[in-house]
C-alpha atoms as a PDB file:
ATOM      1  CA  MET A   1      -1.962  38.686 -26.868  1.00  0.00           C
ATOM      2  CA  PRO A   2       0.806  36.336 -25.626  1.00  0.00           C
ATOM      3  CA  ASP A   3       2.409  33.983 -28.140  1.00  0.00           C
ATOM      4  CA  PHE A   4       1.074  30.439 -28.394  1.00  0.00           C
ATOM      5  CA  ALA A   5       4.434  29.081 -27.198  1.00  0.00           C
ATOM      6  CA  VAL A   6       4.179  31.228 -24.067  1.00  0.00           C
ATOM      7  CA  LEU A   7       0.612  30.088 -23.386  1.00  0.00           C
ATOM      8  CA  ALA A   8       1.586  26.454 -23.982  1.00  0.00           C
ATOM      9  CA  VAL A   9       4.041  26.727 -21.104  1.00  0.00           C
ATOM     10  CA  PHE A  10       2.074  29.113 -18.891  1.00  0.00           C
ATOM     11  CA  ILE A  11      -1.236  27.182 -18.808  1.00  0.00           C
ATOM     12  CA  PRO A  12       0.064  23.813 -17.528  1.00  0.00           C
ATOM     13  CA  THR A  13       2.534  25.539 -15.217  1.00  0.00           C
ATOM     14  CA  PHE A  14      -0.101  27.562 -13.414  1.00  0.00           C
ATOM     15  CA  PHE A  15      -2.527  24.637 -13.429  1.00  0.00           C
ATOM     16  CA  PHE A  16      -0.062  22.568 -11.410  1.00  0.00           C
ATOM     17  CA  VAL A  17       0.592  25.557  -9.148  1.00  0.00           C
ATOM     18  CA  SER A  18      -3.162  25.919  -8.602  1.00  0.00           C
ATOM     19  CA  ILE A  19      -3.998  22.266  -8.041  1.00  0.00           C
ATOM     20  CA  THR A  20      -1.223  21.670  -5.512  1.00  0.00           C
ATOM     21  CA  PRO A  21      -2.768  21.572  -2.014  1.00  0.00           C
ATOM     22  CA  GLY A  22      -2.512  24.907  -0.233  1.00  0.00           C
ATOM     23  CA  LEU A  23      -4.555  27.387   1.782  1.00  0.00           C
ATOM     24  CA  CYS A  24      -7.224  28.111  -0.835  1.00  0.00           C
ATOM     25  CA  MET A  25      -7.591  24.528  -2.066  1.00  0.00           C
ATOM     26  CA  THR A  26      -7.826  23.161   1.458  1.00  0.00           C
ATOM     27  CA  LEU A  27     -10.402  25.834   2.308  1.00  0.00           C
ATOM     28  CA  ALA A  28     -12.449  24.895  -0.758  1.00  0.00           C
ATOM     29  CA  MET A  29     -12.303  21.221   0.192  1.00  0.00           C
ATOM     30  CA  THR A  30     -13.268  21.905   3.801  1.00  0.00           C
ATOM     31  CA  LEU A  31     -16.199  24.154   2.888  1.00  0.00           C
ATOM     32  CA  GLY A  32     -17.276  21.655   0.235  1.00  0.00           C
ATOM     33  CA  MET A  33     -17.482  19.033   2.980  1.00  0.00           C
ATOM     34  CA  SER A  34     -19.299  21.223   5.510  1.00  0.00           C
ATOM     35  CA  LEU A  35     -21.467  23.525   3.336  1.00  0.00           C
ATOM     36  CA  GLY A  36     -21.723  21.806  -0.023  1.00  0.00           C
ATOM     37  CA  VAL A  37     -20.390  22.850  -3.412  1.00  0.00           C
ATOM     38  CA  GLN A  38     -23.161  25.339  -4.174  1.00  0.00           C
ATOM     39  CA  ARG A  39     -22.486  27.463  -1.065  1.00  0.00           C
ATOM     40  CA  THR A  40     -18.720  27.115  -1.542  1.00  0.00           C
ATOM     41  CA  LEU A  41     -19.051  28.866  -4.910  1.00  0.00           C
ATOM     42  CA  TRP A  42     -19.359  32.157  -2.999  1.00  0.00           C
ATOM     43  CA  MET A  43     -15.976  31.590  -1.379  1.00  0.00           C
ATOM     44  CA  MET A  44     -14.538  30.693  -4.782  1.00  0.00           C
ATOM     45  CA  LEU A  45     -15.810  34.007  -6.183  1.00  0.00           C
ATOM     46  CA  GLY A  46     -13.941  35.928  -3.503  1.00  0.00           C
ATOM     47  CA  GLU A  47     -10.822  33.824  -3.963  1.00  0.00           C
ATOM     48  CA  VAL A  48     -10.535  34.293  -7.731  1.00  0.00           C
ATOM     49  CA  LEU A  49     -11.099  38.038  -7.317  1.00  0.00           C
ATOM     50  CA  GLY A  50      -8.381  38.093  -4.679  1.00  0.00           C
ATOM     51  CA  VAL A  51      -5.980  36.157  -6.882  1.00  0.00           C
ATOM     52  CA  ALA A  52      -6.697  38.521  -9.770  1.00  0.00           C
ATOM     53  CA  ALA A  53      -6.021  41.531  -7.525  1.00  0.00           C
ATOM     54  CA  VAL A  54      -2.717  40.032  -6.362  1.00  0.00           C
ATOM     55  CA  ALA A  55      -1.682  39.223  -9.937  1.00  0.00           C
ATOM     56  CA  ILE A  56      -2.517  42.688 -11.277  1.00  0.00           C
ATOM     57  CA  ALA A  57      -0.872  44.496  -8.355  1.00  0.00           C
ATOM     58  CA  ALA A  58       2.257  42.376  -8.609  1.00  0.00           C
ATOM     59  CA  VAL A  59       2.589  42.747 -12.384  1.00  0.00           C
ATOM     60  CA  LEU A  60       1.867  46.483 -12.527  1.00  0.00           C
ATOM     61  CA  GLY A  61       4.381  47.156  -9.799  1.00  0.00           C
ATOM     62  CA  VAL A  62       7.025  45.110 -11.558  1.00  0.00           C
ATOM     63  CA  ALA A  63       6.047  46.381 -15.019  1.00  0.00           C
ATOM     64  CA  ALA A  64       6.390  50.012 -13.958  1.00  0.00           C
ATOM     65  CA  MET A  65      10.003  49.351 -13.020  1.00  0.00           C
ATOM     66  CA  MET A  66      10.626  47.372 -16.213  1.00  0.00           C
ATOM     67  CA  LEU A  67       9.468  50.250 -18.437  1.00  0.00           C
ATOM     68  CA  ASN A  68      11.831  52.716 -16.761  1.00  0.00           C
ATOM     69  CA  TYR A  69      14.686  50.276 -16.260  1.00  0.00           C
ATOM     70  CA  PRO A  70      14.777  47.563 -18.980  1.00  0.00           C
ATOM     71  CA  GLN A  71      17.646  45.843 -17.170  1.00  0.00           C
ATOM     72  CA  VAL A  72      15.191  45.019 -14.397  1.00  0.00           C
ATOM     73  CA  PHE A  73      13.365  42.699 -16.820  1.00  0.00           C
ATOM     74  CA  VAL A  74      16.466  40.540 -17.135  1.00  0.00           C
ATOM     75  CA  LEU A  75      16.962  40.602 -13.360  1.00  0.00           C
ATOM     76  CA  PHE A  76      13.393  39.496 -12.664  1.00  0.00           C
ATOM     77  CA  LYS A  77      13.707  36.805 -15.300  1.00  0.00           C
ATOM     78  CA  TRP A  78      16.737  35.338 -13.543  1.00  0.00           C
ATOM     79  CA  VAL A  79      15.293  35.775 -10.066  1.00  0.00           C
ATOM     80  CA  GLY A  80      12.020  34.213 -11.181  1.00  0.00           C
ATOM     81  CA  ALA A  81      13.820  31.304 -12.818  1.00  0.00           C
ATOM     82  CA  PHE A  82      15.867  30.501  -9.725  1.00  0.00           C
ATOM     83  CA  TYR A  83      12.856  30.929  -7.443  1.00  0.00           C
ATOM     84  CA  LEU A  84      10.696  28.585  -9.513  1.00  0.00           C
ATOM     85  CA  ALA A  85      13.482  26.019  -9.628  1.00  0.00           C
ATOM     86  CA  TYR A  86      13.903  26.332  -5.853  1.00  0.00           C
ATOM     87  CA  VAL A  87      10.168  25.918  -5.181  1.00  0.00           C
ATOM     88  CA  GLY A  88      10.025  23.045  -7.666  1.00  0.00           C
ATOM     89  CA  LEU A  89      12.876  21.263  -5.881  1.00  0.00           C
ATOM     90  CA  LYS A  90      11.164  21.707  -2.507  1.00  0.00           C
ATOM     91  CA  MET A  91       7.894  20.374  -3.914  1.00  0.00           C
ATOM     92  CA  PHE A  92       9.691  17.423  -5.527  1.00  0.00           C
ATOM     93  CA  MET A  93      11.231  16.444  -2.189  1.00  0.00           C
ATOM     94  CA  ALA A  94       8.213  17.255  -0.003  1.00  0.00           C
ATOM     95  CA  LYS A  95       6.420  14.664   2.089  1.00  0.00           C
ATOM     96  CA  THR A  96       3.110  16.441   2.492  1.00  0.00           C
ATOM     97  CA  HIS A  97      -0.224  15.548   3.963  1.00  0.00           C
ATOM     98  CA  ILE A  98      -3.305  17.716   3.791  1.00  0.00           C
ATOM     99  CA  ASP A  99      -4.295  19.059   7.184  1.00  0.00           C
ATOM    100  CA  SER A 100      -7.937  19.809   7.825  1.00  0.00           C
ATOM    101  CA  LEU A 101      -8.896  23.377   8.519  1.00  0.00           C
ATOM    102  CA  LYS A 102     -11.307  24.226  11.311  1.00  0.00           C
ATOM    103  CA  LYS A 103     -14.892  24.066  10.232  1.00  0.00           C
ATOM    104  CA  SER A 104     -16.518  27.374   9.571  1.00  0.00           C
ATOM    105  CA  ALA A 105     -19.725  28.564  11.088  1.00  0.00           C
ATOM    106  CA  ALA A 106     -22.762  26.375  10.444  1.00  0.00           C
ATOM    107  CA  ASN A 107     -24.473  28.776   8.051  1.00  0.00           C
ATOM    108  CA  PRO A 108     -22.304  31.803   7.146  1.00  0.00           C
ATOM    109  CA  ALA A 109     -23.731  34.569   4.964  1.00  0.00           C
ATOM    110  CA  ASN A 110     -22.819  34.618   1.285  1.00  0.00           C
ATOM    111  CA  MET A 111     -20.805  37.835   1.608  1.00  0.00           C
ATOM    112  CA  THR A 112     -18.953  36.315   4.550  1.00  0.00           C
ATOM    113  CA  LEU A 113     -17.880  33.476   2.297  1.00  0.00           C
ATOM    114  CA  VAL A 114     -16.859  35.928  -0.452  1.00  0.00           C
ATOM    115  CA  SER A 115     -14.743  37.949   1.965  1.00  0.00           C
ATOM    116  CA  GLN A 116     -13.253  34.788   3.431  1.00  0.00           C
ATOM    117  CA  GLY A 117     -12.064  33.675   0.001  1.00  0.00           C
ATOM    118  CA  PHE A 118     -10.810  37.161  -0.921  1.00  0.00           C
ATOM    119  CA  ILE A 119      -8.881  37.641   2.322  1.00  0.00           C
ATOM    120  CA  THR A 120      -7.380  34.154   2.093  1.00  0.00           C
ATOM    121  CA  ALA A 121      -6.041  34.912  -1.392  1.00  0.00           C
ATOM    122  CA  ILE A 122      -4.772  38.392  -0.467  1.00  0.00           C
ATOM    123  CA  ALA A 123      -3.120  37.241   2.771  1.00  0.00           C
ATOM    124  CA  ASN A 124      -1.359  34.247   1.218  1.00  0.00           C
ATOM    125  CA  PRO A 125       2.369  35.172   0.974  1.00  0.00           C
ATOM    126  CA  LYS A 126       3.043  32.223  -1.309  1.00  0.00           C
ATOM    127  CA  GLY A 127       0.499  33.654  -3.772  1.00  0.00           C
ATOM    128  CA  TRP A 128       2.346  36.972  -3.907  1.00  0.00           C
ATOM    129  CA  ALA A 129       5.685  35.214  -4.329  1.00  0.00           C
ATOM    130  CA  PHE A 130       4.369  33.127  -7.212  1.00  0.00           C
ATOM    131  CA  MET A 131       2.772  36.098  -8.965  1.00  0.00           C
ATOM    132  CA  ILE A 132       5.863  38.278  -8.701  1.00  0.00           C
ATOM    133  CA  SER A 133       8.170  35.518  -9.905  1.00  0.00           C
ATOM    134  CA  LEU A 134       5.870  33.701 -12.332  1.00  0.00           C
ATOM    135  CA  LEU A 135       4.049  36.397 -14.296  1.00  0.00           C
ATOM    136  CA  PRO A 136       6.673  38.990 -15.355  1.00  0.00           C
ATOM    137  CA  PRO A 137       8.882  36.516 -17.270  1.00  0.00           C
ATOM    138  CA  PHE A 138       5.875  35.583 -19.431  1.00  0.00           C
ATOM    139  CA  LEU A 139       5.236  39.206 -20.405  1.00  0.00           C
ATOM    140  CA  SER A 140       6.702  40.770 -23.533  1.00  0.00           C
ATOM    141  CA  ILE A 141       7.759  44.426 -23.461  1.00  0.00           C
ATOM    142  CA  ASP A 142       7.103  44.565 -27.235  1.00  0.00           C
ATOM    143  CA  LYS A 143       3.358  43.915 -26.882  1.00  0.00           C
ATOM    144  CA  PRO A 144       0.542  45.819 -25.133  1.00  0.00           C
ATOM    145  CA  LEU A 145       0.672  45.064 -21.415  1.00  0.00           C
ATOM    146  CA  THR A 146      -3.089  45.359 -20.913  1.00  0.00           C
ATOM    147  CA  THR A 147      -3.949  42.644 -23.442  1.00  0.00           C
ATOM    148  CA  GLN A 148      -1.322  40.274 -22.093  1.00  0.00           C
ATOM    149  CA  LEU A 149      -2.435  40.888 -18.519  1.00  0.00           C
ATOM    150  CA  VAL A 150      -6.112  40.293 -19.325  1.00  0.00           C
ATOM    151  CA  VAL A 151      -5.322  36.974 -21.014  1.00  0.00           C
ATOM    152  CA  LEU A 152      -2.900  35.685 -18.361  1.00  0.00           C
ATOM    153  CA  VAL A 153      -5.009  36.799 -15.393  1.00  0.00           C
ATOM    154  CA  GLY A 154      -8.072  35.280 -17.067  1.00  0.00           C
ATOM    155  CA  ILE A 155      -6.222  31.971 -17.371  1.00  0.00           C
ATOM    156  CA  ILE A 156      -5.158  32.180 -13.729  1.00  0.00           C
ATOM    157  CA  MET A 157      -8.726  32.829 -12.562  1.00  0.00           C
ATOM    158  CA  CYS A 158     -10.101  29.939 -14.627  1.00  0.00           C
ATOM    159  CA  SER A 159      -7.376  27.611 -13.382  1.00  0.00           C
ATOM    160  CA  GLU A 160      -8.014  28.556  -9.747  1.00  0.00           C
ATOM    161  CA  PHE A 161     -11.767  28.121 -10.131  1.00  0.00           C
ATOM    162  CA  VAL A 162     -11.517  24.709 -11.815  1.00  0.00           C
ATOM    163  CA  CYS A 163      -9.101  23.418  -9.199  1.00  0.00           C
ATOM    164  CA  MET A 164     -11.160  24.724  -6.265  1.00  0.00           C
ATOM    165  CA  LEU A 165     -14.283  23.220  -7.800  1.00  0.00           C
ATOM    166  CA  ALA A 166     -12.510  19.867  -8.009  1.00  0.00           C
ATOM    167  CA  TYR A 167     -11.418  20.083  -4.376  1.00  0.00           C
ATOM    168  CA  ALA A 168     -14.854  21.188  -3.163  1.00  0.00           C
ATOM    169  CA  SER A 169     -16.582  18.435  -5.169  1.00  0.00           C
ATOM    170  CA  GLY A 170     -14.181  15.767  -4.028  1.00  0.00           C
ATOM    171  CA  GLY A 171     -14.417  16.753  -0.388  1.00  0.00           C
ATOM    172  CA  LYS A 172     -13.447  14.057   2.033  1.00  0.00           C
ATOM    173  CA  SER A 173     -12.888  11.454  -0.680  1.00  0.00           C
ATOM    174  CA  LEU A 174     -10.273  13.648  -2.362  1.00  0.00           C
ATOM    175  CA  ARG A 175      -8.497  14.269   0.918  1.00  0.00           C
ATOM    176  CA  LEU A 176      -8.346  10.540   1.671  1.00  0.00           C
ATOM    177  CA  LEU A 177      -7.161   9.801  -1.869  1.00  0.00           C
ATOM    178  CA  LEU A 178      -4.302  12.303  -1.725  1.00  0.00           C
ATOM    179  CA  ASN A 179      -3.207  11.145   1.723  1.00  0.00           C
ATOM    180  CA  LYS A 180      -3.313   7.486   0.686  1.00  0.00           C
ATOM    181  CA  GLY A 181       0.071   5.980  -0.055  1.00  0.00           C
ATOM    182  CA  ASN A 182       2.315   8.182  -2.179  1.00  0.00           C
ATOM    183  CA  ASN A 183      -0.383   9.906  -4.256  1.00  0.00           C
ATOM    184  CA  LEU A 184       0.299  13.401  -2.934  1.00  0.00           C
ATOM    185  CA  ARG A 185       4.053  12.850  -3.114  1.00  0.00           C
ATOM    186  CA  TRP A 186       3.784  11.941  -6.797  1.00  0.00           C
ATOM    187  CA  MET A 187       1.615  15.005  -7.459  1.00  0.00           C
ATOM    188  CA  ASN A 188       4.265  17.146  -5.789  1.00  0.00           C
ATOM    189  CA  ARG A 189       6.998  15.487  -7.866  1.00  0.00           C
ATOM    190  CA  ILE A 190       5.155  16.136 -11.124  1.00  0.00           C
ATOM    191  CA  ALA A 191       4.428  19.760 -10.214  1.00  0.00           C
ATOM    192  CA  GLY A 192       7.956  20.240  -8.879  1.00  0.00           C
ATOM    193  CA  SER A 193       9.550  18.828 -12.028  1.00  0.00           C
ATOM    194  CA  LEU A 194       7.401  21.140 -14.155  1.00  0.00           C
ATOM    195  CA  LEU A 195       8.440  24.210 -12.146  1.00  0.00           C
ATOM    196  CA  ILE A 196      12.108  23.239 -12.358  1.00  0.00           C
ATOM    197  CA  GLY A 197      11.730  22.824 -16.122  1.00  0.00           C
ATOM    198  CA  VAL A 198      10.089  26.235 -16.460  1.00  0.00           C
ATOM    199  CA  GLY A 199      12.903  27.762 -14.415  1.00  0.00           C
ATOM    200  CA  LEU A 200      15.481  26.287 -16.807  1.00  0.00           C
ATOM    201  CA  TRP A 201      13.384  27.445 -19.785  1.00  0.00           C
ATOM    202  CA  LEU A 202      13.438  31.012 -18.474  1.00  0.00           C
ATOM    203  CA  LEU A 203      17.209  30.914 -17.938  1.00  0.00           C
ATOM    204  CA  ILE A 204      18.008  29.794 -21.482  1.00  0.00           C
ATOM    205  CA  GLY A 205      15.146  31.655 -23.206  1.00  0.00           C
END
């Protein structure tokens, strides 16, 4: 079980990562507009399973190296810190608008929606980059990996689901709200500042 201090940093960090507009959130919003929230839940199921698969694959691959080469842990900690700070700086300075995705078929099958969400999560390079850089620094080599992974991946899945549900429920209104004035820019600045802060925390921790 991760320490409370680790969870206190990890939960808000990944929440801001999740809620920032991206492929999966935009897909949830678009399907929420065209199919309704209830049907979009099938896509969300596939997406959270995909995110969990990416997280587990990324962590186990990195963890296997860490167990054999403890120095790698320090390396990943530094690389992760600099990467998060870099992404945070880009988000802080971004001038982003949400672009609509093409509407899906009028009445896709439930399993089609599940696979669409799963493939979107698996094929998202930014998701892999975040998992590889974000998760390992929050793991402790002195505690059981399985327990830590279950807790952190569970938090990630819940965070992704809640954020996608918000996007799907908001639909067009949410898109207009974020694109109005500087709302999205301020969201990016908050999320970017948080990522920069986490990067500094990892460097001095």
